[in-house]
Amino acid sequence: MTRPPLPLFLDDVVTLRKRHPCGGSDWRVVRLGADIGLRCASCQRRVLLPRAEVERDIALFVARGPLAPVARA
C-alpha cells in the first residue's frame, strides 16, 4: 500500500537526519515536484534529491512556508 506524498511547501525549513558536511542540519525547500530542491541554511549550497528520499530523511519541520495551511485550534 502506498502512502500519499508528505505535504511540503515552498520555504518550509526542515531538519534532516544527516548533517551537511558544512555542519548545518537545517534546509529550506526551494523546489517542489518529483525531486525536491533544498538549500542549506548554513552554507547556501543547493541540492536536488528525490522526493521519497527527502520524505524518509526529514526529522523535524522547523518552520512552515507562507503557503502552508494554518492549523486551527
N, C-alpha and C. Protein backbone atom coordinates (compact mmCIF):
# COMPACT_ATOMS: atom_id res chain seq x y z
N MET A 1 0.85 -1.18 0.00
CA MET A 1 0.00 0.00 0.00
C MET A 1 0.89 1.25 0.00
N THR A 2 0.62 2.17 -0.88
CA THR A 2 1.44 3.37 -0.98
C THR A 2 0.87 4.48 -0.09
N ARG A 3 1.77 5.27 0.44
CA ARG A 3 1.36 6.40 1.27
C ARG A 3 1.21 7.63 0.38
N PRO A 4 0.31 8.55 0.75
CA PRO A 4 0.24 9.80 -0.02
C PRO A 4 1.50 10.62 0.23
N PRO A 5 1.85 11.51 -0.70
CA PRO A 5 3.06 12.31 -0.51
C PRO A 5 2.95 13.22 0.72
N LEU A 6 4.06 13.42 1.38
CA LEU A 6 4.13 14.31 2.54
C LEU A 6 3.89 15.74 2.05
N PRO A 7 2.99 16.49 2.69
CA PRO A 7 2.75 17.86 2.22
C PRO A 7 3.95 18.77 2.51
N LEU A 8 4.65 19.14 1.46
CA LEU A 8 5.77 20.07 1.55
C LEU A 8 5.38 21.34 0.81
N PHE A 9 5.84 22.48 1.30
CA PHE A 9 5.53 23.77 0.68
C PHE A 9 6.81 24.55 0.49
N LEU A 10 6.81 25.45 -0.50
CA LEU A 10 7.98 26.30 -0.71
C LEU A 10 8.29 27.07 0.56
N ASP A 11 9.56 27.23 0.84
CA ASP A 11 10.08 27.95 2.01
C ASP A 11 9.87 27.24 3.33
N ASP A 12 9.46 25.96 3.32
CA ASP A 12 9.48 25.18 4.56
C ASP A 12 10.94 25.03 4.99
N VAL A 13 11.18 25.05 6.28
CA VAL A 13 12.52 24.79 6.80
C VAL A 13 12.45 23.47 7.55
N VAL A 14 13.29 22.52 7.13
CA VAL A 14 13.27 21.18 7.71
C VAL A 14 14.65 20.81 8.24
N THR A 15 14.66 19.92 9.22
CA THR A 15 15.89 19.34 9.73
C THR A 15 15.95 17.91 9.21
N LEU A 16 17.05 17.56 8.56
CA LEU A 16 17.22 16.21 8.04
C LEU A 16 18.01 15.36 9.04
N ARG A 17 17.92 14.06 8.89
CA ARG A 17 18.59 13.15 9.81
C ARG A 17 20.12 13.26 9.78
N LYS A 18 20.68 13.47 8.60
CA LYS A 18 22.13 13.59 8.47
C LYS A 18 22.53 15.05 8.33
N ARG A 19 23.64 15.42 8.93
CA ARG A 19 24.16 16.77 8.82
C ARG A 19 24.85 16.95 7.47
N HIS A 20 24.87 18.18 6.99
CA HIS A 20 25.60 18.54 5.78
C HIS A 20 27.09 18.61 6.14
N PRO A 21 28.00 18.36 5.21
CA PRO A 21 29.43 18.45 5.52
C PRO A 21 29.87 19.80 6.10
N CYS A 22 29.13 20.88 5.84
CA CYS A 22 29.48 22.18 6.40
C CYS A 22 29.12 22.26 7.88
N GLY A 23 28.35 21.30 8.38
CA GLY A 23 27.95 21.28 9.79
C GLY A 23 26.50 21.67 10.01
N GLY A 24 25.84 22.18 8.99
CA GLY A 24 24.44 22.59 9.12
C GLY A 24 23.49 21.41 9.01
N SER A 25 22.33 21.51 9.65
CA SER A 25 21.35 20.44 9.56
C SER A 25 19.98 20.95 9.11
N ASP A 26 19.81 22.28 8.98
CA ASP A 26 18.54 22.85 8.55
C ASP A 26 18.60 23.17 7.06
N TRP A 27 17.50 22.89 6.38
CA TRP A 27 17.40 23.08 4.93
C TRP A 27 16.10 23.79 4.60
N ARG A 28 16.12 24.67 3.59
CA ARG A 28 14.93 25.37 3.11
C ARG A 28 14.50 24.74 1.79
N VAL A 29 13.20 24.46 1.65
CA VAL A 29 12.65 23.88 0.42
C VAL A 29 12.55 25.00 -0.62
N VAL A 30 13.24 24.79 -1.77
CA VAL A 30 13.25 25.82 -2.82
C VAL A 30 12.64 25.32 -4.13
N ARG A 31 12.32 24.02 -4.22
CA ARG A 31 11.71 23.48 -5.44
C ARG A 31 10.88 22.27 -5.07
N LEU A 32 9.71 22.15 -5.69
CA LEU A 32 8.82 21.02 -5.42
C LEU A 32 8.55 20.26 -6.71
N GLY A 33 8.23 18.99 -6.57
CA GLY A 33 7.94 18.14 -7.71
C GLY A 33 8.36 16.72 -7.38
N ALA A 34 8.67 15.93 -8.39
CA ALA A 34 9.16 14.58 -8.16
C ALA A 34 10.50 14.63 -7.44
N ASP A 35 11.29 15.67 -7.72
CA ASP A 35 12.53 15.94 -7.00
C ASP A 35 12.32 17.19 -6.15
N ILE A 36 12.94 17.22 -4.99
CA ILE A 36 12.81 18.35 -4.07
C ILE A 36 14.14 19.11 -4.05
N GLY A 37 14.08 20.40 -4.28
CA GLY A 37 15.26 21.25 -4.18
C GLY A 37 15.39 21.77 -2.77
N LEU A 38 16.57 21.62 -2.18
CA LEU A 38 16.84 22.08 -0.83
C LEU A 38 18.05 22.99 -0.84
N ARG A 39 18.03 24.02 0.02
CA ARG A 39 19.17 24.92 0.17
C ARG A 39 19.60 24.87 1.63
N CYS A 40 20.90 24.60 1.85
CA CYS A 40 21.44 24.51 3.20
C CYS A 40 21.35 25.89 3.86
N ALA A 41 20.85 25.94 5.09
CA ALA A 41 20.71 27.21 5.80
C ALA A 41 22.06 27.77 6.23
N SER A 42 23.09 26.94 6.33
CA SER A 42 24.40 27.40 6.78
C SER A 42 25.27 27.93 5.64
N CYS A 43 25.44 27.12 4.58
CA CYS A 43 26.38 27.49 3.52
C CYS A 43 25.70 27.87 2.21
N GLN A 44 24.37 27.77 2.14
CA GLN A 44 23.58 28.13 0.96
C GLN A 44 23.79 27.20 -0.22
N ARG A 45 24.40 26.03 -0.03
CA ARG A 45 24.57 25.03 -1.10
C ARG A 45 23.19 24.51 -1.47
N ARG A 46 22.95 24.31 -2.76
CA ARG A 46 21.66 23.81 -3.23
C ARG A 46 21.82 22.38 -3.72
N VAL A 47 20.90 21.50 -3.32
CA VAL A 47 20.91 20.12 -3.76
C VAL A 47 19.53 19.74 -4.26
N LEU A 48 19.47 18.74 -5.12
CA LEU A 48 18.23 18.23 -5.67
C LEU A 48 18.17 16.75 -5.34
N LEU A 49 17.14 16.35 -4.56
CA LEU A 49 17.01 14.97 -4.10
C LEU A 49 15.65 14.42 -4.49
N PRO A 50 15.55 13.10 -4.71
CA PRO A 50 14.24 12.50 -4.99
C PRO A 50 13.29 12.70 -3.81
N ARG A 51 12.02 12.94 -4.10
CA ARG A 51 11.02 13.20 -3.07
C ARG A 51 10.99 12.09 -2.02
N ALA A 52 11.05 10.83 -2.44
CA ALA A 52 10.99 9.71 -1.50
C ALA A 52 12.14 9.77 -0.49
N GLU A 53 13.32 10.14 -0.97
CA GLU A 53 14.49 10.23 -0.08
C GLU A 53 14.33 11.37 0.93
N VAL A 54 13.83 12.52 0.47
CA VAL A 54 13.63 13.66 1.36
C VAL A 54 12.57 13.32 2.41
N GLU A 55 11.46 12.73 1.98
CA GLU A 55 10.39 12.38 2.93
C GLU A 55 10.89 11.41 3.99
N ARG A 56 11.75 10.48 3.61
CA ARG A 56 12.29 9.49 4.55
C ARG A 56 13.27 10.14 5.53
N ASP A 57 14.02 11.15 5.07
CA ASP A 57 15.09 11.74 5.87
C ASP A 57 14.66 12.93 6.74
N ILE A 58 13.44 13.44 6.58
CA ILE A 58 13.01 14.58 7.39
C ILE A 58 12.83 14.13 8.84
N ALA A 59 13.50 14.83 9.75
CA ALA A 59 13.38 14.54 11.18
C ALA A 59 12.41 15.51 11.85
N LEU A 60 12.33 16.76 11.35
CA LEU A 60 11.56 17.79 12.03
C LEU A 60 11.25 18.93 11.07
N PHE A 61 10.07 19.50 11.18
CA PHE A 61 9.74 20.73 10.48
C PHE A 61 10.07 21.88 11.43
N VAL A 62 11.05 22.71 11.08
CA VAL A 62 11.44 23.84 11.92
C VAL A 62 10.45 24.98 11.73
N ALA A 63 10.10 25.26 10.47
CA ALA A 63 9.13 26.32 10.16
C ALA A 63 8.42 25.93 8.87
N ARG A 64 7.15 26.32 8.79
CA ARG A 64 6.37 26.06 7.58
C ARG A 64 6.38 27.31 6.71
N GLY A 65 6.33 27.09 5.40
CA GLY A 65 6.33 28.19 4.45
C GLY A 65 5.04 28.99 4.50
N PRO A 66 5.02 30.15 3.84
CA PRO A 66 3.83 31.02 3.87
C PRO A 66 2.61 30.41 3.16
N LEU A 67 2.82 29.43 2.30
CA LEU A 67 1.70 28.80 1.58
C LEU A 67 1.11 27.62 2.31
N ALA A 68 1.70 27.22 3.43
CA ALA A 68 1.20 26.08 4.21
C ALA A 68 -0.11 26.47 4.88
N PRO A 69 -1.07 25.54 4.92
CA PRO A 69 -2.34 25.86 5.60
C PRO A 69 -2.10 26.06 7.10
N VAL A 70 -2.86 26.98 7.68
CA VAL A 70 -2.73 27.28 9.10
C VAL A 70 -3.60 26.31 9.89
N ALA A 71 -3.02 25.68 10.91
CA ALA A 71 -3.78 24.76 11.77
C ALA A 71 -4.68 25.56 12.69
N ARG A 72 -5.92 25.14 12.78
CA ARG A 72 -6.88 25.84 13.65
C ARG A 72 -6.98 25.13 14.98
N ALA A 73 -7.02 25.89 16.04
CA ALA A 73 -7.08 25.31 17.39
C ALA A 73 -8.50 25.08 17.84
